[in-house]
Amino acid sequence: MNKPFSNLINKDKDKKVPSSSSTKILAKKVNERSNILIIFGFIVSLSSIFLLLYTINNKFG
């Protein structure tokens, strides 16, 4: 039986990437992008919690 996602699981094991400046620049871009997404997600989560509490307070309080 062929496993459909086995190539995705073993992708990091098979690939040996040398450390070069281009991979460091790419990693830095990914880190900056992920930091922005984490901050944005945190703000969206907090605002949704406050909106939920506001709605519950107005509806039932």
Protein backbone atom coordinates (compact mmCIF):
# COMPACT_ATOMS: atom_id res chain seq x y z
CA MET A 1 0.00 0.00 0.00
CA ASN A 2 1.37 3.40 -0.96
CA LYS A 3 1.31 6.06 1.76
CA PRO A 4 0.08 9.33 0.21
CA PHE A 5 1.95 11.74 2.52
CA SER A 6 5.18 9.85 3.12
CA ASN A 7 7.13 12.18 0.82
CA LEU A 8 6.06 15.19 2.92
CA ILE A 9 7.09 13.57 6.19
CA ASN A 10 10.53 12.51 4.98
CA LYS A 11 11.23 15.70 3.04
CA ASP A 12 13.61 17.19 5.61
CA LYS A 13 15.53 13.95 6.03
CA ASP A 14 16.20 13.57 2.33
CA LYS A 15 17.25 17.12 1.59
CA LYS A 16 20.69 18.31 2.68
CA VAL A 17 20.89 22.07 2.13
CA PRO A 18 24.26 23.75 2.55
CA SER A 19 24.32 26.84 4.71
CA SER A 20 24.63 29.82 2.43
CA SER A 21 23.73 33.47 2.54
CA SER A 22 20.68 33.00 0.33
CA THR A 23 19.13 30.47 2.71
CA LYS A 24 19.86 32.78 5.67
CA ILE A 25 18.14 35.68 3.91
CA LEU A 26 15.16 33.47 3.08
CA ALA A 27 14.94 32.27 6.68
CA LYS A 28 15.06 35.87 7.91
CA LYS A 29 12.17 36.81 5.59
CA VAL A 30 10.14 33.85 6.83
CA ASN A 31 10.81 34.81 10.46
CA GLU A 32 9.77 38.42 9.85
CA ARG A 33 6.61 37.30 8.07
CA SER A 34 5.73 34.82 10.80
CA ASN A 35 6.24 37.45 13.51
CA ILE A 36 3.83 39.78 11.72
CA LEU A 37 1.29 36.99 11.35
CA ILE A 38 1.60 36.05 15.03
CA ILE A 39 1.00 39.66 16.11
CA PHE A 40 -1.94 40.04 13.71
CA GLY A 41 -3.48 36.78 14.92
CA PHE A 42 -3.08 37.84 18.54
CA ILE A 43 -4.87 41.13 17.85
CA VAL A 44 -7.69 39.37 16.00
CA SER A 45 -8.07 36.86 18.83
CA LEU A 46 -8.24 39.55 21.50
CA SER A 47 -10.74 41.61 19.53
CA SER A 48 -12.97 38.59 18.96
CA ILE A 49 -12.90 37.75 22.68
CA PHE A 50 -13.85 41.33 23.59
CA LEU A 51 -16.64 41.36 21.00
CA LEU A 52 -17.96 38.07 22.35
CA LEU A 53 -17.95 39.37 25.92
CA TYR A 54 -19.61 42.62 24.82
CA THR A 55 -22.33 40.70 22.97
CA ILE A 56 -22.96 38.38 25.92
CA ASN A 57 -23.10 41.34 28.31
CA ASN A 58 -25.61 43.23 26.16
CA LYS A 59 -27.76 40.20 25.39
CA PHE A 60 -27.92 38.58 28.84
CA GLY A 61 -26.59 41.23 31.25
